[in-house]
Amino acid sequence: MEEVLFEHEQVQSRADVAALLRDVANKLEAGEAVTVSAGGSSVSLDVPARPTFEVKVERETNGREELSIEFELEWDVNAGDGDASLSIE
């Protein structure tokens, strides 16, 4: 079972999306907590040094065709080290 702690969706410019991703990247690199907020909701997360990183690209074909790219970080108390390398160009 899954509990959604925070969710937000909004159309933004590529530059704004890049700035948000850059902010997350800077926090991760510095080992700082990542806080997401919108309206009156916010969640702060302490991401471990080696989370699992997933990239997924999907094509929706039900009705209107949409493409999406999702970036996800996952971890648990007993997180292990990943052994595959990923590059994004």
PDB file of N, CA and C in Angstrom:
ATOM      1  N   MET A   1       0.846  -1.181   0.000  1.00  0.00           N
ATOM      2  CA  MET A   1       0.000   0.000   0.000  1.00  0.00           C
ATOM      3  C   MET A   1       0.890   1.242   0.000  1.00  0.00           C
ATOM      4  N   GLU A   2       0.395   2.290  -0.581  1.00  0.00           N
ATOM      5  CA  GLU A   2       1.173   3.510  -0.749  1.00  0.00           C
ATOM      6  C   GLU A   2       0.391   4.704  -0.211  1.00  0.00           C
ATOM      7  N   GLU A   3       1.070   5.567   0.524  1.00  0.00           N
ATOM      8  CA  GLU A   3       0.466   6.800   1.029  1.00  0.00           C
ATOM      9  C   GLU A   3       1.115   7.976   0.312  1.00  0.00           C
ATOM     10  N   VAL A   4       0.339   8.782  -0.367  1.00  0.00           N
ATOM     11  CA  VAL A   4       0.865   9.952  -1.069  1.00  0.00           C
ATOM     12  C   VAL A   4       1.035  11.075  -0.051  1.00  0.00           C
ATOM     13  N   LEU A   5       2.276  11.530   0.134  1.00  0.00           N
ATOM     14  CA  LEU A   5       2.577  12.593   1.084  1.00  0.00           C
ATOM     15  C   LEU A   5       2.494  13.976   0.452  1.00  0.00           C
ATOM     16  N   PHE A   6       2.724  14.037  -0.847  1.00  0.00           N
ATOM     17  CA  PHE A   6       2.698  15.314  -1.565  1.00  0.00           C
ATOM     18  C   PHE A   6       2.523  15.023  -3.039  1.00  0.00           C
ATOM     19  N   GLU A   7       1.716  15.823  -3.705  1.00  0.00           N
ATOM     20  CA  GLU A   7       1.567  15.693  -5.152  1.00  0.00           C
ATOM     21  C   GLU A   7       1.205  17.058  -5.714  1.00  0.00           C
ATOM     22  N   HIS A   8       1.834  17.410  -6.814  1.00  0.00           N
ATOM     23  CA  HIS A   8       1.568  18.696  -7.455  1.00  0.00           C
ATOM     24  C   HIS A   8       1.838  18.548  -8.944  1.00  0.00           C
ATOM     25  N   GLU A   9       0.956  19.081  -9.759  1.00  0.00           N
ATOM     26  CA  GLU A   9       1.131  19.036 -11.210  1.00  0.00           C
ATOM     27  C   GLU A   9       0.767  20.400 -11.768  1.00  0.00           C
ATOM     28  N   GLN A  10       1.637  20.929 -12.639  1.00  0.00           N
ATOM     29  CA  GLN A  10       1.415  22.266 -13.180  1.00  0.00           C
ATOM     30  C   GLN A  10       2.188  22.405 -14.480  1.00  0.00           C
ATOM     31  N   VAL A  11       1.599  23.045 -15.469  1.00  0.00           N
ATOM     32  CA  VAL A  11       2.303  23.341 -16.714  1.00  0.00           C
ATOM     33  C   VAL A  11       3.317  24.443 -16.425  1.00  0.00           C
ATOM     34  N   GLN A  12       4.581  24.203 -16.830  1.00  0.00           N
ATOM     35  CA  GLN A  12       5.656  25.177 -16.614  1.00  0.00           C
ATOM     36  C   GLN A  12       6.548  25.216 -17.836  1.00  0.00           C
ATOM     37  N   SER A  13       7.319  26.268 -17.959  1.00  0.00           N
ATOM     38  CA  SER A  13       8.267  26.366 -19.067  1.00  0.00           C
ATOM     39  C   SER A  13       9.417  25.381 -18.844  1.00  0.00           C
ATOM     40  N   ARG A  14      10.104  25.020 -19.932  1.00  0.00           N
ATOM     41  CA  ARG A  14      11.281  24.150 -19.802  1.00  0.00           C
ATOM     42  C   ARG A  14      12.303  24.775 -18.875  1.00  0.00           C
ATOM     43  N   ALA A  15      12.494  26.102 -18.979  1.00  0.00           N
ATOM     44  CA  ALA A  15      13.473  26.790 -18.129  1.00  0.00           C
ATOM     45  C   ALA A  15      13.099  26.665 -16.649  1.00  0.00           C
ATOM     46  N   ASP A  16      11.819  26.795 -16.330  1.00  0.00           N
ATOM     47  CA  ASP A  16      11.377  26.661 -14.941  1.00  0.00           C
ATOM     48  C   ASP A  16      11.550  25.233 -14.435  1.00  0.00           C
ATOM     49  N   VAL A  17      11.237  24.258 -15.281  1.00  0.00           N
ATOM     50  CA  VAL A  17      11.432  22.854 -14.903  1.00  0.00           C
ATOM     51  C   VAL A  17      12.915  22.589 -14.661  1.00  0.00           C
ATOM     52  N   ALA A  18      13.768  23.086 -15.555  1.00  0.00           N
ATOM     53  CA  ALA A  18      15.216  22.906 -15.401  1.00  0.00           C
ATOM     54  C   ALA A  18      15.703  23.526 -14.096  1.00  0.00           C
ATOM     55  N   ALA A  19      15.186  24.694 -13.747  1.00  0.00           N
ATOM     56  CA  ALA A  19      15.592  25.354 -12.503  1.00  0.00           C
ATOM     57  C   ALA A  19      15.185  24.521 -11.284  1.00  0.00           C
ATOM     58  N   LEU A  20      13.979  23.951 -11.299  1.00  0.00           N
ATOM     59  CA  LEU A  20      13.539  23.106 -10.192  1.00  0.00           C
ATOM     60  C   LEU A  20      14.399  21.848 -10.081  1.00  0.00           C
ATOM     61  N   LEU A  21      14.672  21.201 -11.216  1.00  0.00           N
ATOM     62  CA  LEU A  21      15.524  20.008 -11.199  1.00  0.00           C
ATOM     63  C   LEU A  21      16.935  20.354 -10.730  1.00  0.00           C
ATOM     64  N   ARG A  22      17.440  21.517 -11.149  1.00  0.00           N
ATOM     65  CA  ARG A  22      18.767  21.970 -10.726  1.00  0.00           C
ATOM     66  C   ARG A  22      18.799  22.192  -9.213  1.00  0.00           C
ATOM     67  N   ASP A  23      17.732  22.775  -8.666  1.00  0.00           N
ATOM     68  CA  ASP A  23      17.651  22.975  -7.214  1.00  0.00           C
ATOM     69  C   ASP A  23      17.716  21.637  -6.479  1.00  0.00           C
ATOM     70  N   VAL A  24      16.974  20.651  -6.975  1.00  0.00           N
ATOM     71  CA  VAL A  24      17.008  19.321  -6.360  1.00  0.00           C
ATOM     72  C   VAL A  24      18.410  18.732  -6.479  1.00  0.00           C
ATOM     73  N   ALA A  25      19.014  18.837  -7.659  1.00  0.00           N
ATOM     74  CA  ALA A  25      20.364  18.301  -7.872  1.00  0.00           C
ATOM     75  C   ALA A  25      21.364  18.950  -6.928  1.00  0.00           C
ATOM     76  N   ASN A  26      21.271  20.257  -6.749  1.00  0.00           N
ATOM     77  CA  ASN A  26      22.191  20.954  -5.849  1.00  0.00           C
ATOM     78  C   ASN A  26      22.020  20.490  -4.408  1.00  0.00           C
ATOM     79  N   LYS A  27      20.777  20.306  -3.973  1.00  0.00           N
ATOM     80  CA  LYS A  27      20.515  19.812  -2.613  1.00  0.00           C
ATOM     81  C   LYS A  27      21.063  18.395  -2.439  1.00  0.00           C
ATOM     82  N   LEU A  28      20.832  17.532  -3.441  1.00  0.00           N
ATOM     83  CA  LEU A  28      21.341  16.162  -3.362  1.00  0.00           C
ATOM     84  C   LEU A  28      22.861  16.154  -3.274  1.00  0.00           C
ATOM     85  N   GLU A  29      23.503  16.937  -4.134  1.00  0.00           N
ATOM     86  CA  GLU A  29      24.966  16.975  -4.164  1.00  0.00           C
ATOM     87  C   GLU A  29      25.543  17.493  -2.848  1.00  0.00           C
ATOM     88  N   ALA A  30      24.860  18.442  -2.222  1.00  0.00           N
ATOM     89  CA  ALA A  30      25.331  19.019  -0.963  1.00  0.00           C
ATOM     90  C   ALA A  30      24.956  18.174   0.253  1.00  0.00           C
ATOM     91  N   GLY A  31      24.144  17.137   0.045  1.00  0.00           N
ATOM     92  CA  GLY A  31      23.712  16.302   1.161  1.00  0.00           C
ATOM     93  C   GLY A  31      22.677  16.980   2.043  1.00  0.00           C
ATOM     94  N   GLU A  32      21.977  17.965   1.495  1.00  0.00           N
ATOM     95  CA  GLU A  32      20.961  18.699   2.245  1.00  0.00           C
ATOM     96  C   GLU A  32      19.579  18.087   2.026  1.00  0.00           C
ATOM     97  N   ALA A  33      18.673  18.377   2.932  1.00  0.00           N
ATOM     98  CA  ALA A  33      17.293  17.910   2.792  1.00  0.00           C
ATOM     99  C   ALA A  33      16.658  18.558   1.565  1.00  0.00           C
ATOM    100  N   VAL A  34      15.806  17.805   0.902  1.00  0.00           N
ATOM    101  CA  VAL A  34      15.050  18.312  -0.240  1.00  0.00           C
ATOM    102  C   VAL A  34      13.634  18.593   0.262  1.00  0.00           C
ATOM    103  N   THR A  35      13.186  19.826   0.088  1.00  0.00           N
ATOM    104  CA  THR A  35      11.841  20.213   0.507  1.00  0.00           C
ATOM    105  C   THR A  35      11.024  20.573  -0.722  1.00  0.00           C
ATOM    106  N   VAL A  36       9.864  19.966  -0.845  1.00  0.00           N
ATOM    107  CA  VAL A  36       8.932  20.309  -1.920  1.00  0.00           C
ATOM    108  C   VAL A  36       7.722  20.964  -1.268  1.00  0.00           C
ATOM    109  N   SER A  37       7.232  22.032  -1.895  1.00  0.00           N
ATOM    110  CA  SER A  37       6.087  22.727  -1.315  1.00  0.00           C
ATOM    111  C   SER A  37       5.263  23.392  -2.408  1.00  0.00           C
ATOM    112  N   ALA A  38       3.984  23.492  -2.145  1.00  0.00           N
ATOM    113  CA  ALA A  38       3.045  24.192  -3.026  1.00  0.00           C
ATOM    114  C   ALA A  38       1.824  24.507  -2.182  1.00  0.00           C
ATOM    115  N   GLY A  39       1.340  25.732  -2.303  1.00  0.00           N
ATOM    116  CA  GLY A  39       0.197  26.111  -1.485  1.00  0.00           C
ATOM    117  C   GLY A  39       0.556  25.983  -0.017  1.00  0.00           C
ATOM    118  N   GLY A  40      -0.276  25.337   0.746  1.00  0.00           N
ATOM    119  CA  GLY A  40      -0.014  25.155   2.167  1.00  0.00           C
ATOM    120  C   GLY A  40       0.631  23.833   2.514  1.00  0.00           C
ATOM    121  N   SER A  41       1.016  23.042   1.518  1.00  0.00           N
ATOM    122  CA  SER A  41       1.598  21.719   1.760  1.00  0.00           C
ATOM    123  C   SER A  41       3.090  21.728   1.499  1.00  0.00           C
ATOM    124  N   SER A  42       3.834  21.011   2.341  1.00  0.00           N
ATOM    125  CA  SER A  42       5.262  20.827   2.077  1.00  0.00           C
ATOM    126  C   SER A  42       5.738  19.546   2.748  1.00  0.00           C
ATOM    127  N   VAL A  43       6.796  18.967   2.169  1.00  0.00           N
ATOM    128  CA  VAL A  43       7.419  17.764   2.701  1.00  0.00           C
ATOM    129  C   VAL A  43       8.921  17.932   2.559  1.00  0.00           C
ATOM    130  N   SER A  44       9.668  17.626   3.629  1.00  0.00           N
ATOM    131  CA  SER A  44      11.131  17.644   3.585  1.00  0.00           C
ATOM    132  C   SER A  44      11.634  16.215   3.685  1.00  0.00           C
ATOM    133  N   LEU A  45      12.610  15.896   2.850  1.00  0.00           N
ATOM    134  CA  LEU A  45      13.151  14.540   2.789  1.00  0.00           C
ATOM    135  C   LEU A  45      14.663  14.575   2.912  1.00  0.00           C
ATOM    136  N   ASP A  46      15.199  13.721   3.774  1.00  0.00           N
ATOM    137  CA  ASP A  46      16.641  13.525   3.864  1.00  0.00           C
ATOM    138  C   ASP A  46      16.977  12.323   2.998  1.00  0.00           C
ATOM    139  N   VAL A  47      17.524  12.581   1.827  1.00  0.00           N
ATOM    140  CA  VAL A  47      17.829  11.524   0.865  1.00  0.00           C
ATOM    141  C   VAL A  47      19.170  10.902   1.242  1.00  0.00           C
ATOM    142  N   PRO A  48      19.241   9.573   1.341  1.00  0.00           N
ATOM    143  CA  PRO A  48      20.508   8.927   1.689  1.00  0.00           C
ATOM    144  C   PRO A  48      21.548   9.092   0.585  1.00  0.00           C
ATOM    145  N   ALA A  49      22.780   8.753   0.901  1.00  0.00           N
ATOM    146  CA  ALA A  49      23.890   8.916  -0.043  1.00  0.00           C
ATOM    147  C   ALA A  49      23.731   8.058  -1.296  1.00  0.00           C
ATOM    148  N   ARG A  50      23.041   6.918  -1.210  1.00  0.00           N
ATOM    149  CA  ARG A  50      22.908   6.026  -2.364  1.00  0.00           C
ATOM    150  C   ARG A  50      21.466   5.541  -2.530  1.00  0.00           C
ATOM    151  N   PRO A  51      20.557   6.428  -2.939  1.00  0.00           N
ATOM    152  CA  PRO A  51      19.183   5.985  -3.191  1.00  0.00           C
ATOM    153  C   PRO A  51      19.111   5.227  -4.514  1.00  0.00           C
ATOM    154  N   THR A  52      18.025   4.522  -4.729  1.00  0.00           N
ATOM    155  CA  THR A  52      17.758   3.909  -6.028  1.00  0.00           C
ATOM    156  C   THR A  52      17.178   4.986  -6.929  1.00  0.00           C
ATOM    157  N   PHE A  53      17.731   5.116  -8.136  1.00  0.00           N
ATOM    158  CA  PHE A  53      17.297   6.139  -9.085  1.00  0.00           C
ATOM    159  C   PHE A  53      16.667   5.451 -10.277  1.00  0.00           C
ATOM    160  N   GLU A  54      15.424   5.804 -10.583  1.00  0.00           N
ATOM    161  CA  GLU A  54      14.693   5.194 -11.699  1.00  0.00           C
ATOM    162  C   GLU A  54      14.300   6.275 -12.699  1.00  0.00           C
ATOM    163  N   VAL A  55      14.494   5.978 -13.965  1.00  0.00           N
ATOM    164  CA  VAL A  55      14.035   6.846 -15.048  1.00  0.00           C
ATOM    165  C   VAL A  55      13.075   6.027 -15.893  1.00  0.00           C
ATOM    166  N   LYS A  56      11.907   6.593 -16.163  1.00  0.00           N
ATOM    167  CA  LYS A  56      10.907   5.885 -16.960  1.00  0.00           C
ATOM    168  C   LYS A  56      10.373   6.836 -18.029  1.00  0.00           C
ATOM    169  N   VAL A  57      10.326   6.357 -19.273  1.00  0.00           N
ATOM    170  CA  VAL A  57       9.723   7.109 -20.371  1.00  0.00           C
ATOM    171  C   VAL A  57       8.508   6.319 -20.830  1.00  0.00           C
ATOM    172  N   GLU A  58       7.363   6.991 -20.900  1.00  0.00           N
ATOM    173  CA  GLU A  58       6.119   6.317 -21.264  1.00  0.00           C
ATOM    174  C   GLU A  58       5.419   7.042 -22.407  1.00  0.00           C
ATOM    175  N   ARG A  59       4.668   6.259 -23.176  1.00  0.00           N
ATOM    176  CA  ARG A  59       3.793   6.808 -24.206  1.00  0.00           C
ATOM    177  C   ARG A  59       2.378   6.360 -23.858  1.00  0.00           C
ATOM    178  N   GLU A  60       1.509   7.320 -23.583  1.00  0.00           N
ATOM    179  CA  GLU A  60       0.101   7.028 -23.316  1.00  0.00           C
ATOM    180  C   GLU A  60      -0.612   6.901 -24.654  1.00  0.00           C
ATOM    181  N   THR A  61      -1.382   5.855 -24.821  1.00  0.00           N
ATOM    182  CA  THR A  61      -2.076   5.644 -26.092  1.00  0.00           C
ATOM    183  C   THR A  61      -3.588   5.598 -25.925  1.00  0.00           C
ATOM    184  N   ASN A  62      -4.072   5.811 -24.727  1.00  0.00           N
ATOM    185  CA  ASN A  62      -5.524   5.832 -24.490  1.00  0.00           C
ATOM    186  C   ASN A  62      -6.051   7.221 -24.811  1.00  0.00           C
ATOM    187  N   GLY A  63      -6.753   7.354 -25.932  1.00  0.00           N
ATOM    188  CA  GLY A  63      -7.275   8.667 -26.312  1.00  0.00           C
ATOM    189  C   GLY A  63      -6.164   9.544 -26.859  1.00  0.00           C
ATOM    190  N   ARG A  64      -5.910  10.665 -26.193  1.00  0.00           N
ATOM    191  CA  ARG A  64      -4.882  11.611 -26.621  1.00  0.00           C
ATOM    192  C   ARG A  64      -3.491  11.039 -26.351  1.00  0.00           C
ATOM    193  N   GLU A  65      -2.645  11.027 -27.357  1.00  0.00           N
ATOM    194  CA  GLU A  65      -1.293  10.480 -27.185  1.00  0.00           C
ATOM    195  C   GLU A  65      -0.430  11.465 -26.408  1.00  0.00           C
ATOM    196  N   GLU A  66       0.189  10.985 -25.346  1.00  0.00           N
ATOM    197  CA  GLU A  66       1.075  11.800 -24.519  1.00  0.00           C
ATOM    198  C   GLU A  66       2.377  11.055 -24.293  1.00  0.00           C
ATOM    199  N   LEU A  67       3.457  11.802 -24.197  1.00  0.00           N
ATOM    200  CA  LEU A  67       4.755  11.263 -23.810  1.00  0.00           C
ATOM    201  C   LEU A  67       5.105  11.817 -22.441  1.00  0.00           C
ATOM    202  N   SER A  68       5.798  11.023 -21.640  1.00  0.00           N
ATOM    203  CA  SER A  68       6.230  11.511 -20.332  1.00  0.00           C
ATOM    204  C   SER A  68       7.575  10.911 -19.971  1.00  0.00           C
ATOM    205  N   ILE A  69       8.305  11.655 -19.154  1.00  0.00           N
ATOM    206  CA  ILE A  69       9.542  11.150 -18.566  1.00  0.00           C
ATOM    207  C   ILE A  69       9.423  11.361 -17.065  1.00  0.00           C
ATOM    208  N   GLU A  70       9.697  10.323 -16.311  1.00  0.00           N
ATOM    209  CA  GLU A  70       9.581  10.380 -14.856  1.00  0.00           C
ATOM    210  C   GLU A  70      10.934  10.063 -14.237  1.00  0.00           C
ATOM    211  N   PHE A  71      11.317  10.859 -13.265  1.00  0.00           N
ATOM    212  CA  PHE A  71      12.532  10.624 -12.487  1.00  0.00           C
ATOM    213  C   PHE A  71      12.082  10.305 -11.067  1.00  0.00           C
ATOM    214  N   GLU A  72      12.576   9.206 -10.519  1.00  0.00           N
ATOM    215  CA  GLU A  72      12.136   8.787  -9.186  1.00  0.00           C
ATOM    216  C   GLU A  72      13.326   8.349  -8.352  1.00  0.00           C
ATOM    217  N   LEU A  73      13.360   8.798  -7.110  1.00  0.00           N
ATOM    218  CA  LEU A  73      14.336   8.337  -6.127  1.00  0.00           C
ATOM    219  C   LEU A  73      13.589   7.509  -5.104  1.00  0.00           C
ATOM    220  N   GLU A  74      14.132   6.356  -4.757  1.00  0.00           N
ATOM    221  CA  GLU A  74      13.522   5.487  -3.749  1.00  0.00           C
ATOM    222  C   GLU A  74      14.588   5.037  -2.782  1.00  0.00           C
ATOM    223  N   TRP A  75      14.193   4.843  -1.530  1.00  0.00           N
ATOM    224  CA  TRP A  75      15.120   4.292  -0.552  1.00  0.00           C
ATOM    225  C   TRP A  75      14.339   3.749   0.627  1.00  0.00           C
ATOM    226  N   ASP A  76      14.975   2.888   1.393  1.00  0.00           N
ATOM    227  CA  ASP A  76      14.413   2.429   2.651  1.00  0.00           C
ATOM    228  C   ASP A  76      15.546   2.349   3.661  1.00  0.00           C
ATOM    229  N   VAL A  77      15.226   1.975   4.858  1.00  0.00           N
ATOM    230  CA  VAL A  77      16.216   1.937   5.935  1.00  0.00           C
ATOM    231  C   VAL A  77      17.363   0.996   5.593  1.00  0.00           C
ATOM    232  N   ASN A  78      17.069  -0.098   4.919  1.00  0.00           N
ATOM    233  CA  ASN A  78      18.089  -1.093   4.585  1.00  0.00           C
ATOM    234  C   ASN A  78      18.502  -1.017   3.128  1.00  0.00           C
ATOM    235  N   ALA A  79      18.517   0.195   2.541  1.00  0.00           N
ATOM    236  CA  ALA A  79      18.842   0.349   1.117  1.00  0.00           C
ATOM    237  C   ALA A  79      20.231  -0.184   0.827  1.00  0.00           C
ATOM    238  N   GLY A  80      20.332  -0.947  -0.269  1.00  0.00           N
ATOM    239  CA  GLY A  80      21.622  -1.457  -0.714  1.00  0.00           C
ATOM    240  C   GLY A  80      22.179  -0.604  -1.826  1.00  0.00           C
ATOM    241  N   ASP A  81      23.388  -0.918  -2.258  1.00  0.00           N
ATOM    242  CA  ASP A  81      24.031  -0.193  -3.345  1.00  0.00           C
ATOM    243  C   ASP A  81      23.563  -0.742  -4.679  1.00  0.00           C
ATOM    244  N   GLY A  82      23.284   0.145  -5.628  1.00  0.00           N
ATOM    245  CA  GLY A  82      22.942  -0.281  -6.981  1.00  0.00           C
ATOM    246  C   GLY A  82      24.202  -0.669  -7.727  1.00  0.00           C
ATOM    247  N   ASP A  83      24.079  -1.530  -8.752  1.00  0.00           N
ATOM    248  CA  ASP A  83      25.269  -1.963  -9.477  1.00  0.00           C
ATOM    249  C   ASP A  83      25.232  -1.624 -10.957  1.00  0.00           C
ATOM    250  N   ALA A  84      24.183  -0.965 -11.441  1.00  0.00           N
ATOM    251  CA  ALA A  84      24.118  -0.597 -12.856  1.00  0.00           C
ATOM    252  C   ALA A  84      24.329   0.905 -13.003  1.00  0.00           C
ATOM    253  N   SER A  85      24.949   1.299 -14.091  1.00  0.00           N
ATOM    254  CA  SER A  85      25.197   2.714 -14.336  1.00  0.00           C
ATOM    255  C   SER A  85      24.183   3.251 -15.331  1.00  0.00           C
ATOM    256  N   LEU A  86      23.798   4.490 -15.137  1.00  0.00           N
ATOM    257  CA  LEU A  86      22.862   5.170 -16.022  1.00  0.00           C
ATOM    258  C   LEU A  86      23.509   6.460 -16.468  1.00  0.00           C
ATOM    259  N   SER A  87      23.329   6.806 -17.736  1.00  0.00           N
ATOM    260  CA  SER A  87      23.762   8.121 -18.203  1.00  0.00           C
ATOM    261  C   SER A  87      22.590   8.779 -18.909  1.00  0.00           C
ATOM    262  N   ILE A  88      22.512  10.096 -18.777  1.00  0.00           N
ATOM    263  CA  ILE A  88      21.483  10.883 -19.447  1.00  0.00           C
ATOM    264  C   ILE A  88      22.201  11.907 -20.285  1.00  0.00           C
ATOM    265  N   GLU A  89      21.927  11.895 -21.575  1.00  0.00           N
ATOM    266  CA  GLU A  89      22.633  12.799 -22.496  1.00  0.00           C
ATOM    267  C   GLU A  89      21.687  13.796 -23.092  1.00  0.00           C
TER     268      GLU A  89
END
